[in-house]
Structure formats: structure tokens, C-alpha cells
C-alpha atoms as a PDB file:
ATOM      1  CA  UNK A   1       0.008   0.018  -0.040  1.00  0.00           C
ATOM      2  CA  UNK A   2       1.373   3.362  -1.045  1.00  0.00           C
ATOM      3  CA  UNK A   3       1.942   6.000   1.694  1.00  0.00           C
ATOM      4  CA  UNK A   4       2.412   9.783   2.019  1.00  0.00           C
ATOM      5  CA  UNK A   5       5.842  10.224   3.941  1.00  0.00           C
ATOM      6  CA  UNK A   6       6.087  13.798   5.439  1.00  0.00           C
ATOM      7  CA  UNK A   7       9.244  15.758   6.216  1.00  0.00           C
ATOM      8  CA  UNK A   8       9.766  18.995   8.066  1.00  0.00           C
ATOM      9  CA  UNK A   9      13.052  20.845   8.955  1.00  0.00           C
ATOM     10  CA  UNK A  10      13.032  23.480  11.681  1.00  0.00           C
ATOM     11  CA  UNK A  11      16.061  25.601  11.764  1.00  0.00           C
ATOM     12  CA  UNK A  12      17.698  27.006  15.010  1.00  0.00           C
ATOM     13  CA  UNK A  13      16.652  30.471  13.999  1.00  0.00           C
ATOM     14  CA  UNK A  14      12.972  29.620  13.677  1.00  0.00           C
ATOM     15  CA  UNK A  15      11.136  27.571  16.421  1.00  0.00           C
ATOM     16  CA  UNK A  16       7.777  27.660  14.609  1.00  0.00           C
ATOM     17  CA  UNK A  17       7.555  23.849  14.295  1.00  0.00           C
ATOM     18  CA  UNK A  18       3.661  23.571  14.430  1.00  0.00           C
ATOM     19  CA  UNK A  19       3.083  25.283  11.092  1.00  0.00           C
ATOM     20  CA  UNK A  20       4.938  22.752   8.880  1.00  0.00           C
ATOM     21  CA  UNK A  21       3.628  19.967  10.986  1.00  0.00           C
ATOM     22  CA  UNK A  22      -0.019  21.125  10.709  1.00  0.00           C
ATOM     23  CA  UNK A  23       0.243  21.627   6.923  1.00  0.00           C
ATOM     24  CA  UNK A  24       1.671  18.097   6.380  1.00  0.00           C
ATOM     25  CA  UNK A  25      -0.989  16.481   8.570  1.00  0.00           C
ATOM     26  CA  UNK A  26      -3.726  18.479   6.746  1.00  0.00           C
ATOM     27  CA  UNK A  27      -2.248  17.235   3.382  1.00  0.00           C
ATOM     28  CA  UNK A  28      -2.961  13.634   4.495  1.00  0.00           C
ATOM     29  CA  UNK A  29       0.345  12.518   6.064  1.00  0.00           C
ATOM     30  CA  UNK A  30      -0.164  10.266   9.030  1.00  0.00           C
ATOM     31  CA  UNK A  31       1.532  11.177  12.359  1.00  0.00           C
ATOM     32  CA  UNK A  32       3.535   7.942  12.180  1.00  0.00           C
ATOM     33  CA  UNK A  33       4.768   8.837   8.734  1.00  0.00           C
ATOM     34  CA  UNK A  34       5.850  12.327   9.655  1.00  0.00           C
ATOM     35  CA  UNK A  35       9.635  13.016  10.206  1.00  0.00           C
ATOM     36  CA  UNK A  36      10.989  16.183  11.732  1.00  0.00           C
ATOM     37  CA  UNK A  37      14.457  17.475  12.145  1.00  0.00           C
ATOM     38  CA  UNK A  38      14.603  20.211  14.746  1.00  0.00           C
ATOM     39  CA  UNK A  39      17.656  22.611  15.251  1.00  0.00           C
ATOM     40  CA  UNK A  40      19.035  21.915  11.801  1.00  0.00           C
ATOM     41  CA  UNK A  41      20.520  25.003  10.106  1.00  0.00           C
ATOM     42  CA  UNK A  42      23.290  25.345   7.433  1.00  0.00           C
ATOM     43  CA  UNK A  43      23.660  23.758   4.116  1.00  0.00           C
ATOM     44  CA  UNK A  44      25.773  20.835   5.570  1.00  0.00           C
ATOM     45  CA  UNK A  45      24.008  20.360   8.887  1.00  0.00           C
ATOM     46  CA  UNK A  46      23.149  16.617   9.624  1.00  0.00           C
ATOM     47  CA  UNK A  47      19.492  15.860   9.202  1.00  0.00           C
ATOM     48  CA  UNK A  48      19.019  12.344  10.590  1.00  0.00           C
ATOM     49  CA  UNK A  49      15.216  12.327  10.348  1.00  0.00           C
ATOM     50  CA  UNK A  50      15.522  13.098   6.615  1.00  0.00           C
ATOM     51  CA  UNK A  51      17.667   9.993   6.178  1.00  0.00           C
ATOM     52  CA  UNK A  52      15.103   8.016   8.107  1.00  0.00           C
ATOM     53  CA  UNK A  53      12.276   9.301   5.954  1.00  0.00           C
ATOM     54  CA  UNK A  54      14.062   8.531   2.803  1.00  0.00           C
ATOM     55  CA  UNK A  55      14.856   5.009   3.911  1.00  0.00           C
ATOM     56  CA  UNK A  56      11.186   4.549   4.792  1.00  0.00           C
ATOM     57  CA  UNK A  57      10.024   5.320   1.158  1.00  0.00           C
ATOM     58  CA  UNK A  58       9.075   2.609  -1.109  1.00  0.00           C
ATOM     59  CA  UNK A  59       8.105   2.696  -4.759  1.00  0.00           C
ATOM     60  CA  UNK A  60       4.800   4.219  -5.290  1.00  0.00           C
ATOM     61  CA  UNK A  61       5.015   6.313  -2.157  1.00  0.00           C
ATOM     62  CA  UNK A  62       4.908  10.175  -2.154  1.00  0.00           C
ATOM     63  CA  UNK A  63       7.455  12.356  -0.341  1.00  0.00           C
ATOM     64  CA  UNK A  64       5.689  15.461   1.051  1.00  0.00           C
ATOM     65  CA  UNK A  65       7.242  18.675   2.131  1.00  0.00           C
ATOM     66  CA  UNK A  66       5.925  22.116   2.764  1.00  0.00           C
ATOM     67  CA  UNK A  67       8.481  23.978   0.461  1.00  0.00           C
ATOM     68  CA  UNK A  68      11.602  23.154  -1.344  1.00  0.00           C
ATOM     69  CA  UNK A  69      13.845  25.088   1.108  1.00  0.00           C
ATOM     70  CA  UNK A  70      13.110  22.379   3.748  1.00  0.00           C
ATOM     71  CA  UNK A  71      15.382  20.133   1.653  1.00  0.00           C
ATOM     72  CA  UNK A  72      18.380  22.436   1.507  1.00  0.00           C
ATOM     73  CA  UNK A  73      19.563  25.897   0.485  1.00  0.00           C
ATOM     74  CA  UNK A  74      20.944  24.830  -2.922  1.00  0.00           C
ATOM     75  CA  UNK A  75      18.511  24.464  -5.798  1.00  0.00           C
ATOM     76  CA  UNK A  76      20.828  22.156  -7.549  1.00  0.00           C
ATOM     77  CA  UNK A  77      21.114  19.813  -4.581  1.00  0.00           C
ATOM     78  CA  UNK A  78      17.312  19.893  -4.175  1.00  0.00           C
ATOM     79  CA  UNK A  79      16.915  19.010  -7.836  1.00  0.00           C
ATOM     80  CA  UNK A  80      19.344  16.113  -7.517  1.00  0.00           C
ATOM     81  CA  UNK A  81      17.415  14.915  -4.475  1.00  0.00           C
ATOM     82  CA  UNK A  82      14.129  14.979  -6.346  1.00  0.00           C
ATOM     83  CA  UNK A  83      15.646  13.177  -9.307  1.00  0.00           C
ATOM     84  CA  UNK A  84      16.887  10.520  -6.982  1.00  0.00           C
ATOM     85  CA  UNK A  85      13.346   9.974  -5.671  1.00  0.00           C
ATOM     86  CA  UNK A  86      12.013   9.692  -9.170  1.00  0.00           C
ATOM     87  CA  UNK A  87      14.639   7.034 -10.013  1.00  0.00           C
ATOM     88  CA  UNK A  88      13.372   4.947  -6.988  1.00  0.00           C
ATOM     89  CA  UNK A  89       9.716   5.374  -8.343  1.00  0.00           C
ATOM     90  CA  UNK A  90       8.859   7.769  -5.554  1.00  0.00           C
ATOM     91  CA  UNK A  91       6.713  10.883  -6.243  1.00  0.00           C
ATOM     92  CA  UNK A  92       7.434  14.326  -4.701  1.00  0.00           C
ATOM     93  CA  UNK A  93       4.781  16.641  -3.506  1.00  0.00           C
ATOM     94  CA  UNK A  94       5.440  20.298  -2.533  1.00  0.00           C
ATOM     95  CA  UNK A  95       2.566  22.011  -0.699  1.00  0.00           C
ATOM     96  CA  UNK A  96       3.801  25.509  -1.539  1.00  0.00           C
ATOM     97  CA  UNK A  97       5.542  25.794  -4.889  1.00  0.00           C
ATOM     98  CA  UNK A  98       4.803  28.875  -7.084  1.00  0.00           C
ATOM     99  CA  UNK A  99       1.782  29.538  -5.164  1.00  0.00           C
ATOM    100  CA  UNK A 100       0.173  26.061  -5.392  1.00  0.00           C
ATOM    101  CA  UNK A 101       0.284  22.364  -4.510  1.00  0.00           C
ATOM    102  CA  UNK A 102       2.473  20.523  -7.011  1.00  0.00           C
ATOM    103  CA  UNK A 103       2.800  16.712  -7.173  1.00  0.00           C
ATOM    104  CA  UNK A 104       5.066  15.010  -9.648  1.00  0.00           C
ATOM    105  CA  UNK A 105       2.379  12.360 -10.152  1.00  0.00           C
ATOM    106  CA  UNK A 106      -0.066  14.965 -11.678  1.00  0.00           C
ATOM    107  CA  UNK A 107       0.109  16.490 -15.152  1.00  0.00           C
ATOM    108  CA  UNK A 108       1.650  19.842 -13.852  1.00  0.00           C
ATOM    109  CA  UNK A 109       4.379  17.742 -12.159  1.00  0.00           C
ATOM    110  CA  UNK A 110       7.099  18.130 -14.749  1.00  0.00           C
ATOM    111  CA  UNK A 111       6.924  21.852 -14.207  1.00  0.00           C
ATOM    112  CA  UNK A 112       8.547  21.192 -10.822  1.00  0.00           C
ATOM    113  CA  UNK A 113      11.686  19.658 -12.318  1.00  0.00           C
ATOM    114  CA  UNK A 114      11.849  22.075 -15.271  1.00  0.00           C
ATOM    115  CA  UNK A 115      11.553  25.125 -12.819  1.00  0.00           C
ATOM    116  CA  UNK A 116      14.002  23.763 -10.412  1.00  0.00           C
ATOM    117  CA  UNK A 117      16.614  22.928 -13.017  1.00  0.00           C
ATOM    118  CA  UNK A 118      16.326  26.510 -14.474  1.00  0.00           C
ATOM    119  CA  UNK A 119      16.533  28.085 -11.034  1.00  0.00           C
ATOM    120  CA  UNK A 120      19.634  25.897 -10.188  1.00  0.00           C
ATOM    121  CA  UNK A 121      21.461  26.953 -13.176  1.00  0.00           C
ATOM    122  CA  UNK A 122      20.618  30.689 -12.525  1.00  0.00           C
ATOM    123  CA  UNK A 123      21.626  30.249  -8.881  1.00  0.00           C
ATOM    124  CA  UNK A 124      24.997  28.798  -9.845  1.00  0.00           C
ATOM    125  CA  UNK A 125      25.732  31.646 -12.288  1.00  0.00           C
ATOM    126  CA  UNK A 126      24.623  34.427  -9.890  1.00  0.00           C
ATOM    127  CA  UNK A 127      26.635  33.045  -6.916  1.00  0.00           C
ATOM    128  CA  UNK A 128      29.663  32.543  -9.111  1.00  0.00           C
ATOM    129  CA  UNK A 129      29.579  35.994 -10.773  1.00  0.00           C
ATOM    130  CA  UNK A 130      28.760  37.841  -7.520  1.00  0.00           C
ATOM    131  CA  UNK A 131      31.750  36.355  -5.508  1.00  0.00           C
ATOM    132  CA  UNK A 132      34.172  36.648  -8.486  1.00  0.00           C
ATOM    133  CA  UNK A 133      33.104  40.254  -8.970  1.00  0.00           C
ATOM    134  CA  UNK A 134      33.836  41.004  -5.306  1.00  0.00           C
ATOM    135  CA  UNK A 135      37.356  39.409  -5.700  1.00  0.00           C
ATOM    136  CA  UNK A 136      37.969  41.381  -8.818  1.00  0.00           C
ATOM    137  CA  UNK A 137      37.015  44.716  -7.141  1.00  0.00           C
ATOM    138  CA  UNK A 138      39.344  43.952  -4.273  1.00  0.00           C
ATOM    139  CA  UNK A 139      42.230  43.377  -6.658  1.00  0.00           C
ATOM    140  CA  UNK A 140      41.536  46.574  -8.667  1.00  0.00           C
ATOM    141  CA  UNK A 141      41.472  48.376  -5.243  1.00  0.00           C
ATOM    142  CA  UNK A 142      45.049  47.173  -4.648  1.00  0.00           C
ATOM    143  CA  UNK A 143      44.170  44.762  -1.969  1.00  0.00           C
ATOM    144  CA  UNK A 144      46.383  41.709  -1.947  1.00  0.00           C
ATOM    145  CA  UNK A 145      44.323  38.587  -1.796  1.00  0.00           C
ATOM    146  CA  UNK A 146      47.353  36.142  -2.322  1.00  0.00           C
ATOM    147  CA  UNK A 147      48.757  36.775   1.188  1.00  0.00           C
ATOM    148  CA  UNK A 148      47.043  35.806   4.455  1.00  0.00           C
ATOM    149  CA  UNK A 149      45.166  38.858   6.016  1.00  0.00           C
ATOM    150  CA  UNK A 150      45.319  39.329   9.673  1.00  0.00           C
ATOM    151  CA  UNK A 151      41.590  39.143   9.995  1.00  0.00           C
ATOM    152  CA  UNK A 152      39.160  37.040   7.916  1.00  0.00           C
ATOM    153  CA  UNK A 153      35.588  38.294   8.156  1.00  0.00           C
ATOM    154  CA  UNK A 154      32.372  36.355   8.357  1.00  0.00           C
ATOM    155  CA  UNK A 155      31.414  37.804   5.008  1.00  0.00           C
ATOM    156  CA  UNK A 156      34.576  36.412   3.311  1.00  0.00           C
ATOM    157  CA  UNK A 157      33.832  32.998   4.848  1.00  0.00           C
ATOM    158  CA  UNK A 158      30.315  33.045   3.549  1.00  0.00           C
ATOM    159  CA  UNK A 159      31.424  34.190   0.205  1.00  0.00           C
ATOM    160  CA  UNK A 160      34.120  31.485  -0.049  1.00  0.00           C
ATOM    161  CA  UNK A 161      31.379  28.884   1.022  1.00  0.00           C
ATOM    162  CA  UNK A 162      29.116  30.106  -1.823  1.00  0.00           C
ATOM    163  CA  UNK A 163      31.875  29.717  -4.394  1.00  0.00           C
ATOM    164  CA  UNK A 164      32.535  26.116  -3.269  1.00  0.00           C
ATOM    165  CA  UNK A 165      28.883  25.262  -3.340  1.00  0.00           C
ATOM    166  CA  UNK A 166      28.869  26.637  -6.926  1.00  0.00           C
ATOM    167  CA  UNK A 167      31.621  24.228  -7.883  1.00  0.00           C
ATOM    168  CA  UNK A 168      34.814  26.150  -7.433  1.00  0.00           C
ATOM    169  CA  UNK A 169      37.820  24.027  -6.135  1.00  0.00           C
ATOM    170  CA  UNK A 170      38.408  24.551  -2.483  1.00  0.00           C
ATOM    171  CA  UNK A 171      42.086  24.983  -2.920  1.00  0.00           C
ATOM    172  CA  UNK A 172      41.710  27.895  -5.374  1.00  0.00           C
ATOM    173  CA  UNK A 173      38.960  29.530  -3.368  1.00  0.00           C
ATOM    174  CA  UNK A 174      40.873  29.567  -0.045  1.00  0.00           C
ATOM    175  CA  UNK A 175      44.031  30.849  -1.939  1.00  0.00           C
ATOM    176  CA  UNK A 176      42.140  33.680  -3.364  1.00  0.00           C
ATOM    177  CA  UNK A 177      40.814  34.732  -0.122  1.00  0.00           C
ATOM    178  CA  UNK A 178      44.181  34.356   1.570  1.00  0.00           C
ATOM    179  CA  UNK A 179      43.274  31.810   4.063  1.00  0.00           C
ATOM    180  CA  UNK A 180      44.145  28.176   4.838  1.00  0.00           C
ATOM    181  CA  UNK A 181      41.750  25.203   4.500  1.00  0.00           C
ATOM    182  CA  UNK A 182      41.750  24.752   8.251  1.00  0.00           C
ATOM    183  CA  UNK A 183      40.885  28.401   8.872  1.00  0.00           C
ATOM    184  CA  UNK A 184      37.927  28.168   6.416  1.00  0.00           C
ATOM    185  CA  UNK A 185      36.559  24.929   7.927  1.00  0.00           C
ATOM    186  CA  UNK A 186      36.926  26.151  11.450  1.00  0.00           C
ATOM    187  CA  UNK A 187      35.201  29.459  10.693  1.00  0.00           C
ATOM    188  CA  UNK A 188      32.477  27.833   8.541  1.00  0.00           C
ATOM    189  CA  UNK A 189      31.683  25.461  11.393  1.00  0.00           C
ATOM    190  CA  UNK A 190      31.427  28.356  13.693  1.00  0.00           C
ATOM    191  CA  UNK A 191      28.945  30.082  11.296  1.00  0.00           C
ATOM    192  CA  UNK A 192      26.808  26.982  10.996  1.00  0.00           C
ATOM    193  CA  UNK A 193      27.687  26.423   7.283  1.00  0.00           C
ATOM    194  CA  UNK A 194      28.774  22.897   8.061  1.00  0.00           C
ATOM    195  CA  UNK A 195      28.501  20.468  10.970  1.00  0.00           C
ATOM    196  CA  UNK A 196      30.984  20.893  13.883  1.00  0.00           C
ATOM    197  CA  UNK A 197      33.003  17.606  13.946  1.00  0.00           C
ATOM    198  CA  UNK A 198      35.292  18.349  16.875  1.00  0.00           C
ATOM    199  CA  UNK A 199      32.722  19.732  19.416  1.00  0.00           C
ATOM    200  CA  UNK A 200      35.517  21.522  21.393  1.00  0.00           C
ATOM    201  CA  UNK A 201      36.852  24.161  19.040  1.00  0.00           C
ATOM    202  CA  UNK A 202      36.290  27.774  19.997  1.00  0.00           C
ATOM    203  CA  UNK A 203      35.232  30.089  17.093  1.00  0.00           C
ATOM    204  CA  UNK A 204      37.352  33.104  16.434  1.00  0.00           C
ATOM    205  CA  UNK A 205      35.860  36.304  17.678  1.00  0.00           C
ATOM    206  CA  UNK A 206      34.750  38.285  14.642  1.00  0.00           C
ATOM    207  CA  UNK A 207      31.928  40.863  14.612  1.00  0.00           C
ATOM    208  CA  UNK A 208      32.315  41.663  10.951  1.00  0.00           C
ATOM    209  CA  UNK A 209      29.359  40.594   8.617  1.00  0.00           C
END
């Protein structure tokens, strides 16, 4: 028997869990088939309940979410996830997509993948151009990006992370920003851009944004 498997992700910055849960239940998801990750923020934050939900899916089931951003911040990653579900014979239903409820099992369903693919490509180009333009402006202003600055700002860490997510090699990105890999990973964990694997490192004090 096919089922509706629901998933909700609540970030550390937003404790409003009831909204997503209520919408998924109203869409027909049973409480026993609803999986919620609470306190998950950042593109690389662990989401154990998402893994459990995906494992529970069987061919013919439908994976239900309130909005695409519950799966991740990168449109390209979300598209890959959706295509993975399709390859397993699982449908995807998004309750709030372009102002409506879209299900890949219905005639308007292909629009979901087409739109996500277009947005993913646009997102990639925008991120890459924005960060590279910033680097170019700093070079023209005579600021040396090749050496290691005394202070790496939070903005630089976020921009470096955006470049890496857009596909730029890590070695080249950290070189352009004048930092080491270790500095980037430590600061990225402190900003919640990736999970903290050590649990005992103290983030550097940096008020710049």
C-alpha cells in the first residue's frame, strides 16, 4: 500500500514547528509517517530524520514537504534529491510551490523539475559572478588577496562557501581569499555552514558581517 511520507525541517533560528507539521498532517500525512529535524541549520547540517524518512520510502510512495527550502539551500542539490526519488519510483509533492500544491504524479508535475533545473543554473551563475566580481574589485583596489590577511571576516567565509557550493575548487577559493583550509573549515563550522565535527573548538571572535 502506497503512503505519504512527510518531512519538516526547523532551523535553529525559527522555532515555529507547528506550522509545517500542521500543513503536512492536513495534506494527509499520518503522524506515524511524519519525520521532523529540529535545530538543523546550515547547508551541510546533519539531518538524521531526513535520512530515516528517505529510507522509509518505497516505490509508489509520495514524499511530502511544505516547501523546497526544507530540503536544502542549494536548488541544484534539491533537484538532485528530487531526481533521486524519481529514480526509485517515488513521487514528490510540494505543498507551496509557485503559489500552489505541486505533485510530480500529476500533469503539472514536470513543471517542478523544469523550474528547479532553471533556477539551479541561474543560482549557480549568480553566486559565481557575485563572488568573483567581489574578488576582482578587491584586486583593482590594490588589496592583496594572495597573502594571508590578519583578519578574515564572516562575509569572506560566507562568500568562499558560496563559491565552493557553486563548484569552485576549495584549494583555489581559499587561496584567493588568503586563508588556509583549516581556517575556512573552522570558521565555516562556527557560522553553521557545516557540522562541527570536533565539538571543542572555539570560534574566532569576529563581529564583521
